[in-house]
Amino acid sequence: MRNSLIAILVAALFSGCISITKELPSFTTYNLSIENKINNDDVYIDKSINIYEPKTIESLNSRDILYVQNGLEFNKYALSKWLDKPSKLLQKQVANYLSLTNSYKYITTSNLKVDSDYSLVSELVDFSQEFKEDDSFAKFSIRIYLIDNKNDKTYYKNFAYYEKAPSNDSLGFVKAMNKVTNNFYENLNIFIKNKLK
């Protein structure tokens, strides 16, 4: 009887170890990309811009992909993540977009003391997926401060977007957020050009 009990315990122990070592499902990593055709409207502005990383609250600036239910419950997808923090993704993509327009003397994201004509400082207010009834939406809101470094003048604009996701999962949200951020890059470029003319 005792040998049977020991054999059962050893078998249970090994089966427990085997289940622990099972391969966990891998998570999917998402990035933002520039998809809109960039308008090179032949307007060249001989000014340089330093793009700073947007400031935001820590919970919003996570690699976790966040979604909101009932307006109050913030949750995250277990198997989906951003490639980097949303603030870093946006800084990189804004700089890439503005550089690709070939409309400015130069665009930089350097933390070094680079003498630039303007600084683009921002506050990321919302970067999440919201569920409403049977649909979900990408919510994106950012405050932009374009600072003239020579004349201590600041131009301000708030950008807010709300886009229906093609599906109610993390991939649908990423597609909607990518569309929204591409619209933002385009509108930001127009805003900057209008202020620097």
N, C-alpha and C. Protein backbone atom coordinates (compact mmCIF):
# COMPACT_ATOMS: atom_id res chain seq x y z
N MET A 1 0.82 -1.19 0.00
CA MET A 1 0.00 0.00 0.00
C MET A 1 0.87 1.27 0.00
N ARG A 2 1.91 1.22 0.85
CA ARG A 2 2.79 2.36 0.95
C ARG A 2 3.52 2.60 -0.38
N ASN A 3 3.99 1.55 -1.02
CA ASN A 3 4.68 1.67 -2.30
C ASN A 3 3.75 2.22 -3.37
N SER A 4 2.48 1.82 -3.32
CA SER A 4 1.50 2.32 -4.29
C SER A 4 1.29 3.82 -4.10
N LEU A 5 1.19 4.24 -2.85
CA LEU A 5 1.00 5.66 -2.54
C LEU A 5 2.20 6.49 -3.00
N ILE A 6 3.40 5.99 -2.77
CA ILE A 6 4.61 6.69 -3.21
C ILE A 6 4.66 6.76 -4.74
N ALA A 7 4.30 5.68 -5.40
CA ALA A 7 4.29 5.66 -6.87
C ALA A 7 3.29 6.67 -7.42
N ILE A 8 2.12 6.78 -6.80
CA ILE A 8 1.10 7.74 -7.24
C ILE A 8 1.61 9.17 -7.03
N LEU A 9 2.23 9.45 -5.89
CA LEU A 9 2.76 10.79 -5.61
C LEU A 9 3.87 11.16 -6.58
N VAL A 10 4.76 10.22 -6.88
CA VAL A 10 5.85 10.49 -7.83
C VAL A 10 5.28 10.74 -9.22
N ALA A 11 4.28 9.96 -9.62
CA ALA A 11 3.65 10.16 -10.93
C ALA A 11 2.97 11.52 -11.00
N ALA A 12 2.28 11.92 -9.93
CA ALA A 12 1.62 13.22 -9.89
C ALA A 12 2.64 14.35 -9.96
N LEU A 13 3.75 14.16 -9.26
CA LEU A 13 4.80 15.18 -9.27
C LEU A 13 5.38 15.36 -10.67
N PHE A 14 5.68 14.26 -11.35
CA PHE A 14 6.23 14.35 -12.71
C PHE A 14 5.21 14.92 -13.70
N SER A 15 3.96 14.54 -13.57
CA SER A 15 2.96 15.08 -14.49
C SER A 15 2.77 16.58 -14.26
N GLY A 16 2.90 17.02 -13.01
CA GLY A 16 2.83 18.45 -12.71
C GLY A 16 4.00 19.20 -13.30
N CYS A 17 5.19 18.62 -13.25
CA CYS A 17 6.38 19.26 -13.84
C CYS A 17 6.26 19.34 -15.35
N ILE A 18 5.71 18.33 -15.94
CA ILE A 18 5.56 18.32 -17.40
C ILE A 18 4.59 19.42 -17.83
N SER A 19 3.49 19.59 -17.10
CA SER A 19 2.52 20.62 -17.49
C SER A 19 3.09 22.03 -17.29
N ILE A 20 4.00 22.19 -16.35
CA ILE A 20 4.61 23.49 -16.12
C ILE A 20 5.52 23.87 -17.28
N THR A 21 6.18 22.88 -17.86
CA THR A 21 7.13 23.17 -18.93
C THR A 21 6.49 23.25 -20.30
N LYS A 22 5.17 23.13 -20.38
CA LYS A 22 4.51 23.28 -21.68
C LYS A 22 4.80 24.67 -22.23
N GLU A 23 4.87 24.75 -23.52
CA GLU A 23 5.17 26.02 -24.17
C GLU A 23 4.00 26.99 -23.99
N LEU A 24 4.31 28.17 -23.52
CA LEU A 24 3.30 29.21 -23.38
C LEU A 24 3.02 29.84 -24.74
N PRO A 25 1.80 30.30 -24.96
CA PRO A 25 1.53 30.96 -26.24
C PRO A 25 2.36 32.24 -26.35
N SER A 26 2.88 32.50 -27.53
CA SER A 26 3.69 33.70 -27.72
C SER A 26 2.77 34.91 -27.89
N PHE A 27 3.29 36.07 -27.56
CA PHE A 27 2.48 37.27 -27.75
C PHE A 27 2.88 37.95 -29.05
N THR A 28 1.97 38.75 -29.58
CA THR A 28 2.18 39.47 -30.83
C THR A 28 2.62 40.89 -30.52
N THR A 29 3.64 41.35 -31.23
CA THR A 29 4.15 42.70 -31.04
C THR A 29 3.74 43.56 -32.23
N TYR A 30 3.19 44.74 -31.95
CA TYR A 30 2.70 45.65 -32.99
C TYR A 30 3.50 46.94 -33.00
N ASN A 31 3.58 47.54 -34.18
CA ASN A 31 4.25 48.82 -34.37
C ASN A 31 3.32 49.74 -35.15
N LEU A 32 3.59 51.01 -35.15
CA LEU A 32 2.88 51.96 -36.00
C LEU A 32 3.70 52.16 -37.28
N SER A 33 3.02 52.44 -38.38
CA SER A 33 3.74 52.65 -39.63
C SER A 33 3.15 53.84 -40.37
N ILE A 34 3.95 54.42 -41.24
CA ILE A 34 3.50 55.52 -42.08
C ILE A 34 2.91 54.92 -43.34
N GLU A 35 1.60 55.14 -43.53
CA GLU A 35 0.91 54.54 -44.67
C GLU A 35 0.39 55.56 -45.66
N ASN A 36 0.08 56.75 -45.20
CA ASN A 36 -0.45 57.77 -46.12
C ASN A 36 0.64 58.21 -47.09
N LYS A 37 0.21 58.50 -48.29
CA LYS A 37 1.16 59.05 -49.26
C LYS A 37 1.55 60.45 -48.78
N ILE A 38 2.82 60.69 -48.72
CA ILE A 38 3.31 61.97 -48.21
C ILE A 38 3.26 63.00 -49.32
N ASN A 39 2.63 64.13 -49.00
CA ASN A 39 2.49 65.22 -49.96
C ASN A 39 3.73 66.09 -49.93
N ASN A 40 4.51 66.05 -50.97
CA ASN A 40 5.63 66.97 -51.12
C ASN A 40 5.13 68.14 -51.96
N ASP A 41 4.65 69.17 -51.28
CA ASP A 41 4.00 70.28 -51.99
C ASP A 41 4.98 71.38 -52.40
N ASP A 42 6.26 71.06 -52.42
CA ASP A 42 7.30 71.99 -52.86
C ASP A 42 7.41 73.24 -51.98
N VAL A 43 6.83 73.20 -50.80
CA VAL A 43 7.00 74.31 -49.86
C VAL A 43 8.14 73.93 -48.93
N TYR A 44 9.26 74.63 -49.08
CA TYR A 44 10.42 74.36 -48.24
C TYR A 44 10.52 75.47 -47.20
N ILE A 45 10.66 75.08 -45.94
CA ILE A 45 10.80 76.03 -44.85
C ILE A 45 12.19 75.83 -44.26
N ASP A 46 13.01 76.84 -44.34
CA ASP A 46 14.41 76.74 -43.92
C ASP A 46 14.52 76.84 -42.39
N LYS A 47 13.85 75.93 -41.71
CA LYS A 47 13.85 75.89 -40.25
C LYS A 47 14.08 74.45 -39.80
N SER A 48 14.69 74.31 -38.63
CA SER A 48 14.93 72.99 -38.05
C SER A 48 14.00 72.79 -36.85
N ILE A 49 13.62 71.53 -36.62
CA ILE A 49 12.69 71.21 -35.54
C ILE A 49 13.24 70.04 -34.74
N ASN A 50 13.28 70.20 -33.42
CA ASN A 50 13.64 69.11 -32.52
C ASN A 50 12.35 68.51 -31.97
N ILE A 51 12.11 67.23 -32.24
CA ILE A 51 10.90 66.53 -31.81
C ILE A 51 11.20 65.85 -30.48
N TYR A 52 10.51 66.25 -29.42
CA TYR A 52 10.70 65.64 -28.11
C TYR A 52 9.69 64.53 -27.89
N GLU A 53 10.07 63.58 -27.05
CA GLU A 53 9.16 62.48 -26.70
C GLU A 53 7.95 63.05 -25.96
N PRO A 54 6.73 62.68 -26.36
CA PRO A 54 5.54 63.19 -25.67
C PRO A 54 5.53 62.79 -24.20
N LYS A 55 5.09 63.70 -23.37
CA LYS A 55 4.88 63.42 -21.94
C LYS A 55 3.51 62.78 -21.80
N THR A 56 3.37 61.88 -20.85
CA THR A 56 2.07 61.25 -20.59
C THR A 56 2.11 60.55 -19.24
N ILE A 57 0.95 60.08 -18.80
CA ILE A 57 0.91 59.35 -17.54
C ILE A 57 1.48 57.95 -17.75
N GLU A 58 2.05 57.39 -16.71
CA GLU A 58 2.76 56.12 -16.81
C GLU A 58 1.87 54.97 -17.29
N SER A 59 0.64 54.91 -16.81
CA SER A 59 -0.24 53.80 -17.19
C SER A 59 -0.59 53.82 -18.67
N LEU A 60 -0.65 54.99 -19.27
CA LEU A 60 -0.94 55.11 -20.70
C LEU A 60 0.30 54.83 -21.55
N ASN A 61 1.46 54.99 -20.97
CA ASN A 61 2.71 54.86 -21.71
C ASN A 61 3.36 53.49 -21.50
N SER A 62 2.54 52.47 -21.55
CA SER A 62 3.00 51.11 -21.34
C SER A 62 3.06 50.38 -22.68
N ARG A 63 3.90 49.37 -22.76
CA ARG A 63 3.92 48.53 -23.97
C ARG A 63 2.65 47.69 -24.07
N ASP A 64 1.91 47.57 -22.97
CA ASP A 64 0.65 46.83 -23.00
C ASP A 64 -0.36 47.58 -23.86
N ILE A 65 -1.14 46.83 -24.62
CA ILE A 65 -2.20 47.45 -25.43
C ILE A 65 -3.45 47.53 -24.56
N LEU A 66 -3.90 48.75 -24.31
CA LEU A 66 -4.99 49.00 -23.37
C LEU A 66 -6.34 49.10 -24.06
N TYR A 67 -7.38 48.64 -23.36
CA TYR A 67 -8.75 48.85 -23.82
C TYR A 67 -9.62 49.23 -22.63
N VAL A 68 -10.69 49.96 -22.94
CA VAL A 68 -11.59 50.48 -21.91
C VAL A 68 -12.97 49.90 -22.13
N GLN A 69 -13.57 49.41 -21.06
CA GLN A 69 -14.95 48.92 -21.10
C GLN A 69 -15.77 49.73 -20.10
N ASN A 70 -17.00 50.00 -20.46
CA ASN A 70 -17.94 50.72 -19.59
C ASN A 70 -17.41 52.09 -19.17
N GLY A 71 -16.49 52.64 -19.90
CA GLY A 71 -15.98 53.97 -19.61
C GLY A 71 -15.07 54.05 -18.40
N LEU A 72 -14.99 52.99 -17.60
CA LEU A 72 -14.22 53.05 -16.36
C LEU A 72 -13.18 51.94 -16.21
N GLU A 73 -13.43 50.80 -16.81
CA GLU A 73 -12.55 49.64 -16.62
C GLU A 73 -11.42 49.64 -17.65
N PHE A 74 -10.20 49.85 -17.20
CA PHE A 74 -9.03 49.77 -18.07
C PHE A 74 -8.43 48.38 -17.94
N ASN A 75 -8.25 47.72 -19.08
CA ASN A 75 -7.66 46.38 -19.12
C ASN A 75 -6.58 46.34 -20.18
N LYS A 76 -5.84 45.25 -20.22
CA LYS A 76 -4.81 45.09 -21.24
C LYS A 76 -4.93 43.71 -21.87
N TYR A 77 -4.53 43.63 -23.14
CA TYR A 77 -4.51 42.35 -23.83
C TYR A 77 -3.34 41.53 -23.30
N ALA A 78 -3.59 40.25 -23.01
CA ALA A 78 -2.55 39.39 -22.45
C ALA A 78 -1.49 39.01 -23.47
N LEU A 79 -1.87 38.83 -24.72
CA LEU A 79 -0.94 38.31 -25.72
C LEU A 79 -0.61 39.31 -26.83
N SER A 80 -0.82 40.59 -26.58
CA SER A 80 -0.52 41.63 -27.57
C SER A 80 0.21 42.78 -26.88
N LYS A 81 1.27 43.26 -27.51
CA LYS A 81 2.05 44.37 -26.96
C LYS A 81 2.50 45.30 -28.07
N TRP A 82 2.83 46.54 -27.69
CA TRP A 82 3.46 47.48 -28.61
C TRP A 82 4.95 47.18 -28.68
N LEU A 83 5.57 47.51 -29.78
CA LEU A 83 7.01 47.32 -29.95
C LEU A 83 7.80 48.16 -28.95
N ASP A 84 7.29 49.33 -28.63
CA ASP A 84 7.94 50.24 -27.67
C ASP A 84 6.82 51.02 -26.97
N LYS A 85 7.17 51.89 -26.07
CA LYS A 85 6.17 52.74 -25.42
C LYS A 85 5.49 53.62 -26.47
N PRO A 86 4.19 53.89 -26.34
CA PRO A 86 3.51 54.75 -27.31
C PRO A 86 4.19 56.10 -27.52
N SER A 87 4.73 56.69 -26.46
CA SER A 87 5.40 57.99 -26.62
C SER A 87 6.63 57.88 -27.53
N LYS A 88 7.38 56.80 -27.40
CA LYS A 88 8.56 56.59 -28.26
C LYS A 88 8.14 56.30 -29.69
N LEU A 89 7.09 55.47 -29.87
CA LEU A 89 6.60 55.18 -31.22
C LEU A 89 6.17 56.46 -31.93
N LEU A 90 5.44 57.32 -31.21
CA LEU A 90 4.96 58.57 -31.81
C LEU A 90 6.11 59.52 -32.13
N GLN A 91 7.06 59.65 -31.23
CA GLN A 91 8.21 60.53 -31.48
C GLN A 91 8.93 60.09 -32.75
N LYS A 92 9.18 58.80 -32.87
CA LYS A 92 9.89 58.27 -34.03
C LYS A 92 9.09 58.48 -35.32
N GLN A 93 7.79 58.19 -35.28
CA GLN A 93 6.98 58.29 -36.48
C GLN A 93 6.75 59.74 -36.92
N VAL A 94 6.56 60.64 -35.97
CA VAL A 94 6.41 62.06 -36.30
C VAL A 94 7.69 62.56 -36.97
N ALA A 95 8.83 62.23 -36.39
CA ALA A 95 10.11 62.65 -36.97
C ALA A 95 10.30 62.05 -38.37
N ASN A 96 9.97 60.78 -38.52
CA ASN A 96 10.10 60.14 -39.84
C ASN A 96 9.19 60.80 -40.86
N TYR A 97 7.95 61.04 -40.48
CA TYR A 97 6.99 61.64 -41.42
C TYR A 97 7.46 63.03 -41.85
N LEU A 98 7.81 63.87 -40.89
CA LEU A 98 8.24 65.24 -41.22
C LEU A 98 9.53 65.23 -42.05
N SER A 99 10.42 64.30 -41.77
CA SER A 99 11.65 64.19 -42.56
C SER A 99 11.35 63.78 -43.99
N LEU A 100 10.41 62.86 -44.16
CA LEU A 100 10.07 62.36 -45.50
C LEU A 100 9.40 63.42 -46.37
N THR A 101 8.84 64.46 -45.76
CA THR A 101 8.22 65.52 -46.57
C THR A 101 9.28 66.38 -47.27
N ASN A 102 10.50 66.34 -46.77
CA ASN A 102 11.59 67.18 -47.31
C ASN A 102 11.23 68.66 -47.31
N SER A 103 10.46 69.08 -46.31
CA SER A 103 9.99 70.46 -46.25
C SER A 103 10.77 71.33 -45.27
N TYR A 104 11.66 70.71 -44.49
CA TYR A 104 12.34 71.45 -43.42
C TYR A 104 13.85 71.28 -43.55
N LYS A 105 14.58 72.24 -42.96
CA LYS A 105 16.05 72.18 -42.99
C LYS A 105 16.52 70.84 -42.43
N TYR A 106 16.10 70.50 -41.21
CA TYR A 106 16.31 69.16 -40.66
C TYR A 106 15.36 68.93 -39.50
N ILE A 107 15.11 67.64 -39.25
CA ILE A 107 14.28 67.19 -38.15
C ILE A 107 15.16 66.31 -37.28
N THR A 108 15.12 66.52 -35.97
CA THR A 108 15.94 65.71 -35.07
C THR A 108 15.13 65.26 -33.86
N THR A 109 15.56 64.16 -33.27
CA THR A 109 14.99 63.69 -32.00
C THR A 109 16.09 63.59 -30.96
N SER A 110 17.20 64.20 -31.22
CA SER A 110 18.38 64.06 -30.37
C SER A 110 18.18 64.73 -29.02
N ASN A 111 18.66 64.07 -27.98
CA ASN A 111 18.65 64.66 -26.64
C ASN A 111 19.90 65.52 -26.42
N LEU A 112 20.80 65.47 -27.36
CA LEU A 112 22.00 66.30 -27.27
C LEU A 112 21.63 67.75 -27.50
N LYS A 113 22.49 68.63 -27.11
CA LYS A 113 22.25 70.06 -27.33
C LYS A 113 22.40 70.38 -28.81
N VAL A 114 21.32 70.22 -29.54
CA VAL A 114 21.32 70.53 -30.97
C VAL A 114 20.60 71.86 -31.12
N ASP A 115 21.24 72.77 -31.81
CA ASP A 115 20.65 74.09 -32.01
C ASP A 115 19.56 74.00 -33.08
N SER A 116 18.32 74.02 -32.66
CA SER A 116 17.21 73.97 -33.61
C SER A 116 16.39 75.24 -33.50
N ASP A 117 15.73 75.59 -34.59
CA ASP A 117 14.91 76.80 -34.60
C ASP A 117 13.64 76.63 -33.77
N TYR A 118 13.07 75.41 -33.82
CA TYR A 118 11.81 75.13 -33.12
C TYR A 118 11.92 73.84 -32.33
N SER A 119 11.11 73.77 -31.28
CA SER A 119 10.97 72.53 -30.50
C SER A 119 9.51 72.12 -30.56
N LEU A 120 9.28 70.83 -30.78
CA LEU A 120 7.93 70.28 -30.78
C LEU A 120 7.77 69.46 -29.51
N VAL A 121 7.01 70.01 -28.58
CA VAL A 121 6.77 69.37 -27.29
C VAL A 121 5.31 68.96 -27.27
N SER A 122 5.01 67.83 -26.64
CA SER A 122 3.62 67.36 -26.67
C SER A 122 3.24 66.60 -25.41
N GLU A 123 1.93 66.46 -25.22
CA GLU A 123 1.36 65.67 -24.12
C GLU A 123 0.38 64.67 -24.72
N LEU A 124 0.66 63.39 -24.55
CA LEU A 124 -0.22 62.34 -25.02
C LEU A 124 -1.34 62.17 -24.00
N VAL A 125 -2.58 62.44 -24.41
CA VAL A 125 -3.72 62.42 -23.49
C VAL A 125 -4.46 61.09 -23.56
N ASP A 126 -4.62 60.53 -24.75
CA ASP A 126 -5.33 59.25 -24.88
C ASP A 126 -4.72 58.43 -26.01
N PHE A 127 -4.58 57.14 -25.75
CA PHE A 127 -4.02 56.20 -26.72
C PHE A 127 -4.56 54.82 -26.35
N SER A 128 -5.86 54.62 -26.58
CA SER A 128 -6.50 53.39 -26.10
C SER A 128 -7.63 52.95 -27.01
N GLN A 129 -8.11 51.75 -26.76
CA GLN A 129 -9.26 51.19 -27.46
C GLN A 129 -10.46 51.28 -26.53
N GLU A 130 -11.59 51.72 -27.06
CA GLU A 130 -12.81 51.82 -26.26
C GLU A 130 -13.88 50.92 -26.86
N PHE A 131 -14.49 50.11 -26.01
CA PHE A 131 -15.60 49.26 -26.43
C PHE A 131 -16.91 49.94 -26.11
N LYS A 132 -17.81 49.99 -27.11
CA LYS A 132 -19.16 50.53 -26.94
C LYS A 132 -20.11 49.59 -27.64
N GLU A 133 -20.99 48.98 -26.87
CA GLU A 133 -21.95 48.00 -27.38
C GLU A 133 -21.21 46.92 -28.16
N ASP A 134 -21.48 46.77 -29.45
CA ASP A 134 -20.86 45.70 -30.24
C ASP A 134 -19.67 46.19 -31.07
N ASP A 135 -19.21 47.41 -30.85
CA ASP A 135 -18.12 47.98 -31.64
C ASP A 135 -16.97 48.41 -30.73
N SER A 136 -15.83 48.64 -31.35
CA SER A 136 -14.71 49.21 -30.61
C SER A 136 -14.10 50.34 -31.44
N PHE A 137 -13.42 51.24 -30.75
CA PHE A 137 -12.90 52.46 -31.38
C PHE A 137 -11.49 52.74 -30.88
N ALA A 138 -10.68 53.31 -31.76
CA ALA A 138 -9.36 53.80 -31.37
C ALA A 138 -9.52 55.25 -30.93
N LYS A 139 -9.05 55.55 -29.72
CA LYS A 139 -9.10 56.91 -29.19
C LYS A 139 -7.67 57.45 -29.10
N PHE A 140 -7.47 58.60 -29.74
CA PHE A 140 -6.14 59.21 -29.75
C PHE A 140 -6.30 60.70 -29.52
N SER A 141 -5.59 61.23 -28.55
CA SER A 141 -5.63 62.66 -28.27
C SER A 141 -4.24 63.12 -27.83
N ILE A 142 -3.80 64.24 -28.41
CA ILE A 142 -2.46 64.75 -28.09
C ILE A 142 -2.48 66.28 -28.17
N ARG A 143 -1.80 66.92 -27.22
CA ARG A 143 -1.65 68.38 -27.22
C ARG A 143 -0.26 68.70 -27.75
N ILE A 144 -0.22 69.61 -28.71
CA ILE A 144 1.04 69.97 -29.37
C ILE A 144 1.42 71.40 -29.03
N TYR A 145 2.69 71.60 -28.68
CA TYR A 145 3.25 72.92 -28.42
C TYR A 145 4.45 73.10 -29.35
N LEU A 146 4.32 73.98 -30.31
CA LEU A 146 5.42 74.30 -31.22
C LEU A 146 6.09 75.57 -30.68
N ILE A 147 7.31 75.43 -30.21
CA ILE A 147 7.99 76.52 -29.51
C ILE A 147 9.07 77.11 -30.41
N ASP A 148 8.98 78.42 -30.63
CA ASP A 148 10.01 79.16 -31.37
C ASP A 148 11.16 79.42 -30.39
N ASN A 149 12.27 78.75 -30.59
CA ASN A 149 13.39 78.85 -29.65
C ASN A 149 14.10 80.19 -29.69
N LYS A 150 13.94 80.94 -30.75
CA LYS A 150 14.62 82.24 -30.87
C LYS A 150 13.80 83.38 -30.26
N ASN A 151 12.47 83.29 -30.40
CA ASN A 151 11.60 84.40 -29.97
C ASN A 151 10.69 84.07 -28.79
N ASP A 152 10.88 82.92 -28.17
CA ASP A 152 10.05 82.50 -27.03
C ASP A 152 8.56 82.61 -27.32
N LYS A 153 8.16 82.21 -28.49
CA LYS A 153 6.75 82.21 -28.88
C LYS A 153 6.30 80.76 -28.97
N THR A 154 5.07 80.48 -28.51
CA THR A 154 4.55 79.11 -28.53
C THR A 154 3.23 79.06 -29.27
N TYR A 155 3.10 78.06 -30.15
CA TYR A 155 1.86 77.79 -30.88
C TYR A 155 1.28 76.49 -30.33
N TYR A 156 -0.03 76.49 -30.08
CA TYR A 156 -0.67 75.32 -29.46
C TYR A 156 -1.80 74.79 -30.32
N LYS A 157 -1.95 73.48 -30.32
CA LYS A 157 -3.10 72.85 -30.97
C LYS A 157 -3.35 71.50 -30.32
N ASN A 158 -4.63 71.20 -30.12
CA ASN A 158 -5.04 69.89 -29.60
C ASN A 158 -5.57 69.06 -30.77
N PHE A 159 -5.08 67.85 -30.90
CA PHE A 159 -5.55 66.93 -31.93
C PHE A 159 -6.26 65.77 -31.24
N ALA A 160 -7.49 65.47 -31.67
CA ALA A 160 -8.24 64.36 -31.09
C ALA A 160 -8.92 63.58 -32.21
N TYR A 161 -8.83 62.27 -32.13
CA TYR A 161 -9.38 61.39 -33.17
C TYR A 161 -10.11 60.22 -32.51
N TYR A 162 -11.13 59.74 -33.21
CA TYR A 162 -11.96 58.63 -32.73
C TYR A 162 -12.33 57.81 -33.96
N GLU A 163 -11.79 56.61 -34.09
CA GLU A 163 -11.95 55.82 -35.31
C GLU A 163 -12.47 54.42 -34.98
N LYS A 164 -13.52 54.01 -35.71
CA LYS A 164 -14.07 52.66 -35.52
C LYS A 164 -13.06 51.62 -35.98
N ALA A 165 -12.86 50.60 -35.16
CA ALA A 165 -11.93 49.51 -35.49
C ALA A 165 -12.61 48.51 -36.40
N PRO A 166 -11.88 47.92 -37.35
CA PRO A 166 -12.48 46.94 -38.25
C PRO A 166 -12.85 45.63 -37.55
N SER A 167 -12.26 45.36 -36.39
CA SER A 167 -12.61 44.17 -35.61
C SER A 167 -12.41 44.49 -34.13
N ASN A 168 -13.07 43.73 -33.27
CA ASN A 168 -13.03 44.00 -31.83
C ASN A 168 -11.93 43.21 -31.13
N ASP A 169 -10.73 43.30 -31.65
CA ASP A 169 -9.59 42.64 -31.04
C ASP A 169 -8.38 43.57 -31.12
N SER A 170 -7.25 43.09 -30.66
CA SER A 170 -6.07 43.96 -30.65
C SER A 170 -5.63 44.35 -32.06
N LEU A 171 -5.72 43.43 -33.02
CA LEU A 171 -5.32 43.75 -34.39
C LEU A 171 -6.23 44.82 -35.00
N GLY A 172 -7.53 44.71 -34.77
CA GLY A 172 -8.47 45.72 -35.25
C GLY A 172 -8.16 47.08 -34.66
N PHE A 173 -7.82 47.10 -33.38
CA PHE A 173 -7.46 48.36 -32.72
C PHE A 173 -6.18 48.94 -33.32
N VAL A 174 -5.17 48.11 -33.54
CA VAL A 174 -3.91 48.59 -34.10
C VAL A 174 -4.13 49.18 -35.49
N LYS A 175 -4.95 48.53 -36.30
CA LYS A 175 -5.25 49.05 -37.64
C LYS A 175 -5.93 50.41 -37.56
N ALA A 176 -6.91 50.55 -36.65
CA ALA A 176 -7.61 51.83 -36.48
C ALA A 176 -6.67 52.90 -35.94
N MET A 177 -5.82 52.53 -34.97
CA MET A 177 -4.87 53.49 -34.40
C MET A 177 -3.85 53.93 -35.44
N ASN A 178 -3.44 53.01 -36.29
CA ASN A 178 -2.48 53.36 -37.35
C ASN A 178 -3.10 54.36 -38.32
N LYS A 179 -4.37 54.17 -38.66
CA LYS A 179 -5.08 55.11 -39.54
C LYS A 179 -5.17 56.49 -38.88
N VAL A 180 -5.52 56.49 -37.61
CA VAL A 180 -5.67 57.74 -36.85
C VAL A 180 -4.33 58.47 -36.76
N THR A 181 -3.27 57.76 -36.42
CA THR A 181 -1.97 58.44 -36.27
C THR A 181 -1.45 58.95 -37.61
N ASN A 182 -1.74 58.26 -38.71
CA ASN A 182 -1.36 58.76 -40.03
C ASN A 182 -2.09 60.06 -40.36
N ASN A 183 -3.36 60.14 -39.99
CA ASN A 183 -4.10 61.40 -40.17
C ASN A 183 -3.49 62.50 -39.31
N PHE A 184 -3.08 62.13 -38.11
CA PHE A 184 -2.44 63.09 -37.21
C PHE A 184 -1.13 63.62 -37.80
N TYR A 185 -0.27 62.75 -38.33
CA TYR A 185 1.00 63.20 -38.92
C TYR A 185 0.75 64.23 -40.02
N GLU A 186 -0.22 63.93 -40.86
CA GLU A 186 -0.55 64.82 -41.98
C GLU A 186 -1.07 66.17 -41.47
N ASN A 187 -1.99 66.13 -40.50
CA ASN A 187 -2.55 67.37 -39.94
C ASN A 187 -1.50 68.16 -39.16
N LEU A 188 -0.61 67.46 -38.48
CA LEU A 188 0.47 68.14 -37.75
C LEU A 188 1.39 68.87 -38.73
N ASN A 189 1.73 68.24 -39.82
CA ASN A 189 2.58 68.87 -40.83
C ASN A 189 1.93 70.15 -41.37
N ILE A 190 0.63 70.10 -41.63
CA ILE A 190 -0.10 71.28 -42.10
C ILE A 190 -0.07 72.38 -41.03
N PHE A 191 -0.31 72.01 -39.78
CA PHE A 191 -0.28 72.96 -38.67
C PHE A 191 1.09 73.65 -38.58
N ILE A 192 2.15 72.86 -38.63
CA ILE A 192 3.51 73.42 -38.52
C ILE A 192 3.80 74.36 -39.69
N LYS A 193 3.48 73.93 -40.89
CA LYS A 193 3.74 74.77 -42.07
C LYS A 193 2.98 76.09 -41.99
N ASN A 194 1.73 76.04 -41.54
CA ASN A 194 0.94 77.28 -41.41
C ASN A 194 1.54 78.23 -40.39
N LYS A 195 2.11 77.70 -39.32
CA LYS A 195 2.69 78.56 -38.29
C LYS A 195 4.06 79.11 -38.69
N LEU A 196 4.77 78.39 -39.54
CA LEU A 196 6.13 78.81 -39.89
C LEU A 196 6.21 79.63 -41.17
N LYS A 197 5.10 79.81 -41.85
CA LYS A 197 5.10 80.59 -43.10
C LYS A 197 5.40 82.04 -42.83
